[in-house]
Amino acid sequence: MAGVGVIEINDANFDQEVLGSDVPVLVDFWAMWCGPCKAIGPTVESIASSFAGKLKVAKINVDENTAAASRYRIQAIPALMFFKNGKPVDQLIGFHPQAEIEEIVKRVLAPSGVAA
């Protein structure tokens, strides 16, 4: 479930919300049964709050939305994928500390725009 500043997306609105976004997007690919997904949830919500207005943060349930997960070859969750200008620019698989995720967010938001 999405928290403050986090939107729930699905296969039907993925292209509009993510690829068509005028700001970079962090997409959290998750599932209800996934313990690490639940553990990273508060971190994702905190990042959404910290970067409000600069970064869109979205969650997509891979069990209910298989097309997006398949398109981006999500084979393990949680998977955090970072999009800029409609293209994936970075990805993290599994649980990661907030500071590590924020470093990628800062690189994605940087004017050069592509995470190293």
Protein backbone atom coordinates (compact mmCIF):
# COMPACT_ATOMS: atom_id res chain seq x y z
CA MET A 1 0.00 0.00 0.00
CA ALA A 2 1.22 3.47 -0.83
CA GLY A 3 2.00 5.97 1.90
CA VAL A 4 2.26 9.73 1.94
CA GLY A 5 3.74 11.06 -1.29
CA VAL A 6 3.81 7.59 -2.86
CA ILE A 7 1.39 6.78 -5.67
CA GLU A 8 0.09 3.33 -6.57
CA ILE A 9 0.50 2.58 -10.26
CA ASN A 10 -0.48 -0.35 -12.46
CA ASP A 11 0.12 -1.76 -15.93
CA ALA A 12 -2.60 0.50 -17.37
CA ASN A 13 -1.11 3.81 -16.18
CA PHE A 14 2.60 2.88 -15.99
CA ASP A 15 3.58 4.62 -19.24
CA GLN A 16 1.65 7.78 -18.35
CA GLU A 17 2.84 8.02 -14.72
CA VAL A 18 6.43 6.85 -15.19
CA LEU A 19 7.59 7.20 -18.79
CA GLY A 20 5.59 10.39 -19.35
CA SER A 21 6.59 12.04 -16.09
CA ASP A 22 8.20 15.48 -16.27
CA VAL A 23 10.27 14.66 -13.16
CA PRO A 24 12.43 11.59 -12.44
CA VAL A 25 10.56 8.60 -11.01
CA LEU A 26 11.51 5.96 -8.44
CA VAL A 27 9.40 2.83 -8.98
CA ASP A 28 9.20 0.28 -6.18
CA PHE A 29 8.35 -3.14 -7.62
CA TRP A 30 6.90 -5.14 -4.71
CA ALA A 31 4.46 -7.85 -3.62
CA MET A 32 2.25 -8.32 -0.57
CA TRP A 33 3.98 -11.58 0.49
CA CYS A 34 7.50 -10.10 0.30
CA GLY A 35 9.00 -9.39 3.74
CA PRO A 36 11.91 -7.24 2.49
CA CYS A 37 9.39 -5.26 0.40
CA LYS A 38 7.45 -4.41 3.57
CA ALA A 39 10.70 -3.57 5.36
CA ILE A 40 11.80 -1.09 2.69
CA GLY A 41 8.34 0.54 2.52
CA PRO A 42 8.99 3.19 5.22
CA THR A 43 12.29 4.08 3.55
CA VAL A 44 10.56 4.57 0.20
CA GLU A 45 7.93 6.77 1.91
CA SER A 46 10.65 8.82 3.61
CA ILE A 47 12.40 9.39 0.27
CA ALA A 48 9.08 10.45 -1.30
CA SER A 49 8.67 13.01 1.48
CA SER A 50 12.30 14.23 1.36
CA PHE A 51 12.30 14.74 -2.41
CA ALA A 52 8.68 15.89 -2.86
CA GLY A 53 8.30 18.06 -5.95
CA LYS A 54 11.60 16.85 -7.45
CA LEU A 55 11.00 13.10 -7.60
CA LYS A 56 7.85 11.07 -8.21
CA VAL A 57 7.72 7.89 -6.13
CA ALA A 58 5.48 5.04 -7.23
CA LYS A 59 4.77 1.49 -6.11
CA ILE A 60 3.62 -1.31 -8.39
CA ASN A 61 2.48 -4.72 -7.19
CA VAL A 62 4.21 -7.30 -9.41
CA ASP A 63 1.61 -10.00 -8.70
CA GLU A 64 -1.22 -7.80 -9.99
CA ASN A 65 0.78 -6.06 -12.76
CA THR A 66 2.90 -8.59 -14.58
CA ALA A 67 3.37 -6.61 -17.82
CA ALA A 68 5.52 -3.84 -16.30
CA ALA A 69 7.53 -6.31 -14.22
CA SER A 70 8.12 -8.44 -17.31
CA ARG A 71 9.01 -5.45 -19.51
CA TYR A 72 11.77 -4.42 -17.11
CA ARG A 73 12.86 -8.01 -16.37
CA ILE A 74 12.13 -7.81 -12.65
CA GLN A 75 13.15 -11.22 -11.34
CA ALA A 76 13.68 -10.41 -7.66
CA ILE A 77 11.93 -8.00 -5.32
CA PRO A 78 12.01 -5.50 -3.84
CA ALA A 79 13.37 -3.84 -6.95
CA LEU A 80 13.79 -0.08 -7.03
CA MET A 81 14.08 1.26 -10.56
CA PHE A 82 14.96 4.87 -11.30
CA PHE A 83 13.58 6.51 -14.46
CA LYS A 84 14.53 9.83 -16.03
CA ASN A 85 13.14 11.22 -19.28
CA GLY A 86 11.17 8.02 -19.81
CA LYS A 87 14.17 5.69 -19.54
CA PRO A 88 15.47 3.48 -16.74
CA VAL A 89 18.79 4.90 -15.51
CA ASP A 90 19.53 2.84 -12.39
CA GLN A 91 18.23 -0.04 -10.29
CA LEU A 92 18.62 -1.61 -6.85
CA ILE A 93 17.53 -5.16 -6.02
CA GLY A 94 16.78 -6.22 -2.46
CA PHE A 95 16.82 -4.25 0.76
CA HIS A 96 19.21 -1.28 0.85
CA PRO A 97 19.82 1.41 3.48
CA GLN A 98 18.12 4.76 2.97
CA ALA A 99 21.43 6.60 2.54
CA GLU A 100 22.39 4.35 -0.38
CA ILE A 101 19.03 4.89 -2.10
CA GLU A 102 19.26 8.65 -1.53
CA GLU A 103 22.71 8.75 -3.17
CA ILE A 104 21.21 7.30 -6.35
CA VAL A 105 18.27 9.72 -6.15
CA LYS A 106 20.71 12.65 -5.91
CA ARG A 107 22.65 11.40 -8.95
CA VAL A 108 19.44 10.93 -10.94
CA LEU A 109 18.30 14.45 -9.98
CA ALA A 110 21.68 15.98 -10.89
CA PRO A 111 21.71 18.11 -14.05
CA SER A 112 23.81 15.55 -15.94
CA GLY A 113 20.97 13.23 -15.14
CA VAL A 114 22.36 9.74 -15.45
CA ALA A 115 23.43 7.70 -12.48
CA ALA A 116 27.00 6.44 -12.73
